[in-house]
PDB file of all heavy atoms in Angstrom:
ATOM      1  N   ASN A   1      87.271  -5.369 -71.730  1.00  0.00           N
ATOM      2  CA  ASN A   1      86.538  -5.397 -72.991  1.00  0.00           C
ATOM      3  C   ASN A   1      86.121  -4.028 -73.526  1.00  0.00           C
ATOM      4  O   ASN A   1      85.308  -3.938 -74.433  1.00  0.00           O
ATOM      5  CB  ASN A   1      85.297  -6.308 -72.888  1.00  0.00           C
ATOM      6  CG  ASN A   1      85.705  -7.752 -72.719  1.00  0.00           C
ATOM      7  OD1 ASN A   1      86.704  -8.185 -73.280  1.00  0.00           O
ATOM      8  ND2 ASN A   1      84.949  -8.488 -71.923  1.00  0.00           N
ATOM      9  N   GLU A   2      86.658  -2.954 -72.967  1.00  0.00           N
ATOM     10  CA  GLU A   2      86.396  -1.618 -73.494  1.00  0.00           C
ATOM     11  C   GLU A   2      87.667  -1.096 -74.142  1.00  0.00           C
ATOM     12  O   GLU A   2      88.752  -1.233 -73.584  1.00  0.00           O
ATOM     13  CB  GLU A   2      85.937  -0.672 -72.386  1.00  0.00           C
ATOM     14  CG  GLU A   2      84.552  -1.012 -71.868  1.00  0.00           C
ATOM     15  CD  GLU A   2      84.028   0.011 -70.883  1.00  0.00           C
ATOM     16  OE1 GLU A   2      84.368   1.205 -71.031  1.00  0.00           O
ATOM     17  OE2 GLU A   2      83.293  -0.380 -69.982  1.00  0.00           O
ATOM     18  N   HIS A   3      87.524  -0.474 -75.321  1.00  0.00           N
ATOM     19  CA  HIS A   3      88.653   0.052 -76.069  1.00  0.00           C
ATOM     20  C   HIS A   3      89.380   1.123 -75.260  1.00  0.00           C
ATOM     21  O   HIS A   3      88.758   1.971 -74.646  1.00  0.00           O
ATOM     22  CB  HIS A   3      88.165   0.643 -77.395  1.00  0.00           C
ATOM     23  CG  HIS A   3      89.243   1.258 -78.210  1.00  0.00           C
ATOM     24  ND1 HIS A   3      90.194   0.508 -78.866  1.00  0.00           N
ATOM     25  CD2 HIS A   3      89.533   2.549 -78.453  1.00  0.00           C
ATOM     26  CE1 HIS A   3      91.031   1.323 -79.492  1.00  0.00           C
ATOM     27  NE2 HIS A   3      90.641   2.564 -79.256  1.00  0.00           N
ATOM     28  N   VAL A   4      90.704   1.078 -75.265  1.00  0.00           N
ATOM     29  CA  VAL A   4      91.532   2.097 -74.627  1.00  0.00           C
ATOM     30  C   VAL A   4      91.872   3.130 -75.687  1.00  0.00           C
ATOM     31  O   VAL A   4      92.400   2.799 -76.747  1.00  0.00           O
ATOM     32  CB  VAL A   4      92.823   1.482 -74.044  1.00  0.00           C
ATOM     33  CG1 VAL A   4      93.731   2.562 -73.476  1.00  0.00           C
ATOM     34  CG2 VAL A   4      92.499   0.442 -72.978  1.00  0.00           C
ATOM     35  N   SER A   5      91.582   4.389 -75.401  1.00  0.00           N
ATOM     36  CA  SER A   5      91.804   5.433 -76.408  1.00  0.00           C
ATOM     37  C   SER A   5      93.276   5.805 -76.498  1.00  0.00           C
ATOM     38  O   SER A   5      94.064   5.524 -75.597  1.00  0.00           O
ATOM     39  CB  SER A   5      90.973   6.666 -76.069  1.00  0.00           C
ATOM     40  OG  SER A   5      91.416   7.231 -74.852  1.00  0.00           O
ATOM     41  N   ASP A   6      93.635   6.420 -77.616  1.00  0.00           N
ATOM     42  CA  ASP A   6      94.999   6.896 -77.808  1.00  0.00           C
ATOM     43  C   ASP A   6      95.238   8.113 -76.931  1.00  0.00           C
ATOM     44  O   ASP A   6      94.365   8.927 -76.722  1.00  0.00           O
ATOM     45  CB  ASP A   6      95.225   7.276 -79.275  1.00  0.00           C
ATOM     46  CG  ASP A   6      95.237   6.067 -80.181  1.00  0.00           C
ATOM     47  OD1 ASP A   6      95.498   4.959 -79.672  1.00  0.00           O
ATOM     48  OD2 ASP A   6      95.007   6.222 -81.386  1.00  0.00           O
ATOM     49  N   GLY A   7      96.458   8.196 -76.447  1.00  0.00           N
ATOM     50  CA  GLY A   7      96.835   9.329 -75.614  1.00  0.00           C
ATOM     51  C   GLY A   7      98.333   9.502 -75.563  1.00  0.00           C
ATOM     52  O   GLY A   7      99.046   9.116 -76.486  1.00  0.00           O
ATOM     53  N   PHE A   8      98.808  10.049 -74.502  1.00  0.00           N
ATOM     54  CA  PHE A   8     100.214  10.366 -74.312  1.00  0.00           C
ATOM     55  C   PHE A   8     101.114   9.138 -74.411  1.00  0.00           C
ATOM     56  O   PHE A   8     102.196   9.184 -74.975  1.00  0.00           O
ATOM     57  CB  PHE A   8     100.332  11.008 -72.932  1.00  0.00           C
ATOM     58  CG  PHE A   8     101.606  11.726 -72.667  1.00  0.00           C
ATOM     59  CD1 PHE A   8     101.873  12.930 -73.289  1.00  0.00           C
ATOM     60  CD2 PHE A   8     102.531  11.214 -71.782  1.00  0.00           C
ATOM     61  CE1 PHE A   8     103.057  13.617 -73.035  1.00  0.00           C
ATOM     62  CE2 PHE A   8     103.697  11.893 -71.517  1.00  0.00           C
ATOM     63  CZ  PHE A   8     103.960  13.097 -72.149  1.00  0.00           C
ATOM     64  N   PHE A   9     100.666   8.026 -73.857  1.00  0.00           N
ATOM     65  CA  PHE A   9     101.403   6.764 -73.882  1.00  0.00           C
ATOM     66  C   PHE A   9     100.545   5.679 -74.525  1.00  0.00           C
ATOM     67  O   PHE A   9      99.325   5.745 -74.476  1.00  0.00           O
ATOM     68  CB  PHE A   9     101.701   6.263 -72.456  1.00  0.00           C
ATOM     69  CG  PHE A   9     102.670   7.087 -71.697  1.00  0.00           C
ATOM     70  CD1 PHE A   9     102.241   7.923 -70.688  1.00  0.00           C
ATOM     71  CD2 PHE A   9     104.021   7.009 -71.957  1.00  0.00           C
ATOM     72  CE1 PHE A   9     103.143   8.667 -69.955  1.00  0.00           C
ATOM     73  CE2 PHE A   9     104.936   7.749 -71.239  1.00  0.00           C
ATOM     74  CZ  PHE A   9     104.488   8.593 -70.228  1.00  0.00           C
ATOM     75  N   PHE A  10     101.201   4.667 -75.061  1.00  0.00           N
ATOM     76  CA  PHE A  10     100.535   3.425 -75.432  1.00  0.00           C
ATOM     77  C   PHE A  10     101.567   2.318 -75.317  1.00  0.00           C
ATOM     78  O   PHE A  10     102.747   2.564 -75.091  1.00  0.00           O
ATOM     79  CB  PHE A  10      99.884   3.494 -76.827  1.00  0.00           C
ATOM     80  CG  PHE A  10     100.857   3.676 -77.955  1.00  0.00           C
ATOM     81  CD1 PHE A  10     101.414   2.567 -78.594  1.00  0.00           C
ATOM     82  CD2 PHE A  10     101.213   4.935 -78.393  1.00  0.00           C
ATOM     83  CE1 PHE A  10     102.312   2.729 -79.637  1.00  0.00           C
ATOM     84  CE2 PHE A  10     102.088   5.107 -79.439  1.00  0.00           C
ATOM     85  CZ  PHE A  10     102.654   3.993 -80.058  1.00  0.00           C
ATOM     86  N   THR A  11     101.131   1.085 -75.444  1.00  0.00           N
ATOM     87  CA  THR A  11     102.017  -0.055 -75.208  1.00  0.00           C
ATOM     88  C   THR A  11     102.089  -0.951 -76.432  1.00  0.00           C
ATOM     89  O   THR A  11     101.078  -1.190 -77.097  1.00  0.00           O
ATOM     90  CB  THR A  11     101.526  -0.885 -74.013  1.00  0.00           C
ATOM     91  OG1 THR A  11     100.183  -1.302 -74.263  1.00  0.00           O
ATOM     92  CG2 THR A  11     101.580  -0.096 -72.723  1.00  0.00           C
ATOM     93  N   VAL A  12     103.299  -1.430 -76.731  1.00  0.00           N
ATOM     94  CA  VAL A  12     103.497  -2.359 -77.838  1.00  0.00           C
ATOM     95  C   VAL A  12     104.410  -3.495 -77.407  1.00  0.00           C
ATOM     96  O   VAL A  12     105.206  -3.353 -76.487  1.00  0.00           O
ATOM     97  CB  VAL A  12     104.111  -1.678 -79.093  1.00  0.00           C
ATOM     98  CG1 VAL A  12     103.158  -0.653 -79.672  1.00  0.00           C
ATOM     99  CG2 VAL A  12     105.456  -1.072 -78.805  1.00  0.00           C
ATOM    100  N   GLY A  13     104.265  -4.609 -78.105  1.00  0.00           N
ATOM    101  CA  GLY A  13     105.152  -5.744 -77.928  1.00  0.00           C
ATOM    102  C   GLY A  13     105.603  -6.235 -79.286  1.00  0.00           C
ATOM    103  O   GLY A  13     105.040  -5.846 -80.317  1.00  0.00           O
ATOM    104  N   TYR A  14     106.614  -7.101 -79.271  1.00  0.00           N
ATOM    105  CA  TYR A  14     107.118  -7.659 -80.519  1.00  0.00           C
ATOM    106  C   TYR A  14     107.269  -9.152 -80.336  1.00  0.00           C
ATOM    107  O   TYR A  14     108.186  -9.613 -79.644  1.00  0.00           O
ATOM    108  CB  TYR A  14     108.466  -7.017 -80.889  1.00  0.00           C
ATOM    109  CG  TYR A  14     108.911  -7.345 -82.289  1.00  0.00           C
ATOM    110  CD1 TYR A  14     108.348  -6.676 -83.367  1.00  0.00           C
ATOM    111  CD2 TYR A  14     109.852  -8.328 -82.532  1.00  0.00           C
ATOM    112  CE1 TYR A  14     108.732  -6.974 -84.667  1.00  0.00           C
ATOM    113  CE2 TYR A  14     110.243  -8.629 -83.831  1.00  0.00           C
ATOM    114  CZ  TYR A  14     109.685  -7.949 -84.894  1.00  0.00           C
ATOM    115  OH  TYR A  14     110.062  -8.253 -86.173  1.00  0.00           O
ATOM    116  N   GLY A  15     106.339  -9.890 -80.914  1.00  0.00           N
ATOM    117  CA  GLY A  15     106.333 -11.346 -80.718  1.00  0.00           C
ATOM    118  C   GLY A  15     106.278 -11.658 -79.247  1.00  0.00           C
ATOM    119  O   GLY A  15     105.510 -11.078 -78.507  1.00  0.00           O
ATOM    120  N   SER A  16     107.150 -12.563 -78.808  1.00  0.00           N
ATOM    121  CA  SER A  16     107.211 -12.896 -77.382  1.00  0.00           C
ATOM    122  C   SER A  16     108.487 -12.354 -76.749  1.00  0.00           C
ATOM    123  O   SER A  16     108.902 -12.824 -75.697  1.00  0.00           O
ATOM    124  CB  SER A  16     107.121 -14.413 -77.194  1.00  0.00           C
ATOM    125  OG  SER A  16     108.217 -15.039 -77.869  1.00  0.00           O
ATOM    126  N   MET A  17     109.100 -11.350 -77.386  1.00  0.00           N
ATOM    127  CA  MET A  17     110.342 -10.780 -76.876  1.00  0.00           C
ATOM    128  C   MET A  17     110.104 -10.170 -75.493  1.00  0.00           C
ATOM    129  O   MET A  17     109.201  -9.357 -75.321  1.00  0.00           O
ATOM    130  CB  MET A  17     110.862  -9.707 -77.845  1.00  0.00           C
ATOM    131  CG  MET A  17     112.242  -9.199 -77.483  1.00  0.00           C
ATOM    132  SD  MET A  17     112.854  -7.927 -78.644  1.00  0.00           S
ATOM    133  CE  MET A  17     113.365  -8.955 -80.003  1.00  0.00           C
ATOM    134  N   PRO A  18     110.912 -10.579 -74.496  1.00  0.00           N
ATOM    135  CA  PRO A  18     110.764 -10.007 -73.149  1.00  0.00           C
ATOM    136  C   PRO A  18     110.986  -8.491 -73.149  1.00  0.00           C
ATOM    137  O   PRO A  18     111.738  -7.952 -73.966  1.00  0.00           O
ATOM    138  CB  PRO A  18     111.861 -10.707 -72.340  1.00  0.00           C
ATOM    139  CG  PRO A  18     112.166 -11.955 -73.103  1.00  0.00           C
ATOM    140  CD  PRO A  18     111.936 -11.617 -74.554  1.00  0.00           C
ATOM    141  N   SER A  19     110.339  -7.827 -72.231  1.00  0.00           N
ATOM    142  CA  SER A  19     110.388  -6.360 -72.151  1.00  0.00           C
ATOM    143  C   SER A  19     111.806  -5.808 -72.139  1.00  0.00           C
ATOM    144  O   SER A  19     112.123  -4.883 -72.887  1.00  0.00           O
ATOM    145  CB  SER A  19     109.645  -5.886 -70.900  1.00  0.00           C
ATOM    146  OG  SER A  19     108.289  -6.225 -70.960  1.00  0.00           O
ATOM    147  N   SER A  20     112.651  -6.357 -71.284  1.00  0.00           N
ATOM    148  CA  SER A  20     114.019  -5.820 -71.170  1.00  0.00           C
ATOM    149  C   SER A  20     114.804  -6.016 -72.466  1.00  0.00           C
ATOM    150  O   SER A  20     115.573  -5.136 -72.872  1.00  0.00           O
ATOM    151  CB  SER A  20     114.758  -6.468 -69.995  1.00  0.00           C
ATOM    152  OG  SER A  20     114.797  -7.870 -70.158  1.00  0.00           O
ATOM    153  N   ASP A  21     114.602  -7.147 -73.137  1.00  0.00           N
ATOM    154  CA  ASP A  21     115.281  -7.380 -74.415  1.00  0.00           C
ATOM    155  C   ASP A  21     114.776  -6.421 -75.480  1.00  0.00           C
ATOM    156  O   ASP A  21     115.549  -5.914 -76.300  1.00  0.00           O
ATOM    157  CB  ASP A  21     115.065  -8.822 -74.893  1.00  0.00           C
ATOM    158  CG  ASP A  21     115.747  -9.846 -74.010  1.00  0.00           C
ATOM    159  OD1 ASP A  21     116.561  -9.458 -73.137  1.00  0.00           O
ATOM    160  OD2 ASP A  21     115.472 -11.049 -74.196  1.00  0.00           O
ATOM    161  N   LEU A  22     113.471  -6.145 -75.467  1.00  0.00           N
ATOM    162  CA  LEU A  22     112.887  -5.241 -76.450  1.00  0.00           C
ATOM    163  C   LEU A  22     113.402  -3.812 -76.253  1.00  0.00           C
ATOM    164  O   LEU A  22     113.751  -3.145 -77.223  1.00  0.00           O
ATOM    165  CB  LEU A  22     111.359  -5.289 -76.394  1.00  0.00           C
ATOM    166  CG  LEU A  22     110.598  -4.465 -77.426  1.00  0.00           C
ATOM    167  CD1 LEU A  22     111.044  -4.799 -78.840  1.00  0.00           C
ATOM    168  CD2 LEU A  22     109.098  -4.697 -77.266  1.00  0.00           C
ATOM    169  N   VAL A  23     113.472  -3.364 -75.002  1.00  0.00           N
ATOM    170  CA  VAL A  23     114.006  -2.028 -74.734  1.00  0.00           C
ATOM    171  C   VAL A  23     115.433  -1.924 -75.251  1.00  0.00           C
ATOM    172  O   VAL A  23     115.796  -0.968 -75.944  1.00  0.00           O
ATOM    173  CB  VAL A  23     113.962  -1.690 -73.221  1.00  0.00           C
ATOM    174  CG1 VAL A  23     114.790  -0.453 -72.907  1.00  0.00           C
ATOM    175  CG2 VAL A  23     112.535  -1.491 -72.765  1.00  0.00           C
ATOM    176  N   ALA A  24     116.266  -2.922 -74.923  1.00  0.00           N
ATOM    177  CA  ALA A  24     117.670  -2.914 -75.360  1.00  0.00           C
ATOM    178  C   ALA A  24     117.777  -2.932 -76.884  1.00  0.00           C
ATOM    179  O   ALA A  24     118.588  -2.198 -77.465  1.00  0.00           O
ATOM    180  CB  ALA A  24     118.421  -4.103 -74.757  1.00  0.00           C
ATOM    181  N   ALA A  25     116.959  -3.745 -77.534  1.00  0.00           N
ATOM    182  CA  ALA A  25     117.007  -3.840 -78.993  1.00  0.00           C
ATOM    183  C   ALA A  25     116.567  -2.526 -79.643  1.00  0.00           C
ATOM    184  O   ALA A  25     117.207  -2.047 -80.584  1.00  0.00           O
ATOM    185  CB  ALA A  25     116.114  -4.986 -79.475  1.00  0.00           C
ATOM    186  N   LEU A  26     115.505  -1.918 -79.146  1.00  0.00           N
ATOM    187  CA  LEU A  26     115.027  -0.655 -79.711  1.00  0.00           C
ATOM    188  C   LEU A  26     116.065   0.458 -79.516  1.00  0.00           C
ATOM    189  O   LEU A  26     116.250   1.292 -80.409  1.00  0.00           O
ATOM    190  CB  LEU A  26     113.691  -0.260 -79.086  1.00  0.00           C
ATOM    191  CG  LEU A  26     112.482  -1.080 -79.528  1.00  0.00           C
ATOM    192  CD1 LEU A  26     111.262  -0.747 -78.683  1.00  0.00           C
ATOM    193  CD2 LEU A  26     112.175  -0.873 -81.001  1.00  0.00           C
ATOM    194  N   LEU A  27     116.737   0.456 -78.384  1.00  0.00           N
ATOM    195  CA  LEU A  27     117.760   1.487 -78.147  1.00  0.00           C
ATOM    196  C   LEU A  27     118.874   1.408 -79.181  1.00  0.00           C
ATOM    197  O   LEU A  27     119.442   2.435 -79.563  1.00  0.00           O
ATOM    198  CB  LEU A  27     118.331   1.345 -76.734  1.00  0.00           C
ATOM    199  CG  LEU A  27     117.465   1.930 -75.621  1.00  0.00           C
ATOM    200  CD1 LEU A  27     118.053   1.563 -74.252  1.00  0.00           C
ATOM    201  CD2 LEU A  27     117.316   3.421 -75.774  1.00  0.00           C
ATOM    202  N   ARG A  28     119.187   0.205 -79.650  1.00  0.00           N
ATOM    203  CA  ARG A  28     120.218   0.060 -80.686  1.00  0.00           C
ATOM    204  C   ARG A  28     119.821   0.763 -81.987  1.00  0.00           C
ATOM    205  O   ARG A  28     120.670   1.051 -82.816  1.00  0.00           O
ATOM    206  CB  ARG A  28     120.491  -1.417 -80.950  1.00  0.00           C
ATOM    207  CG  ARG A  28     121.214  -2.097 -79.815  1.00  0.00           C
ATOM    208  CD  ARG A  28     121.579  -3.540 -80.168  1.00  0.00           C
ATOM    209  NE  ARG A  28     121.869  -4.263 -78.968  1.00  0.00           N
ATOM    210  CZ  ARG A  28     121.066  -5.156 -78.395  1.00  0.00           C
ATOM    211  NH1 ARG A  28     119.899  -5.449 -78.950  1.00  0.00           N
ATOM    212  NH2 ARG A  28     121.410  -5.754 -77.273  1.00  0.00           N
ATOM    213  N   TYR A  29     118.527   1.012 -82.162  1.00  0.00           N
ATOM    214  CA  TYR A  29     118.023   1.696 -83.363  1.00  0.00           C
ATOM    215  C   TYR A  29     117.625   3.148 -83.060  1.00  0.00           C
ATOM    216  O   TYR A  29     116.963   3.793 -83.862  1.00  0.00           O
ATOM    217  CB  TYR A  29     116.849   0.914 -83.954  1.00  0.00           C
ATOM    218  CG  TYR A  29     117.292  -0.425 -84.462  1.00  0.00           C
ATOM    219  CD1 TYR A  29     117.388  -1.516 -83.602  1.00  0.00           C
ATOM    220  CD2 TYR A  29     117.682  -0.597 -85.787  1.00  0.00           C
ATOM    221  CE1 TYR A  29     117.850  -2.739 -84.048  1.00  0.00           C
ATOM    222  CE2 TYR A  29     118.145  -1.813 -86.241  1.00  0.00           C
ATOM    223  CZ  TYR A  29     118.228  -2.881 -85.370  1.00  0.00           C
ATOM    224  OH  TYR A  29     118.696  -4.087 -85.813  1.00  0.00           O
TER     225      TYR A  29
END
């Protein structure tokens, strides 16, 4: 329940797309 500050890394998701599928899809772009 404490805000995580911005830094070197952060995390994002896209809908319910699995991590491996999202990595592969982003690499295509």
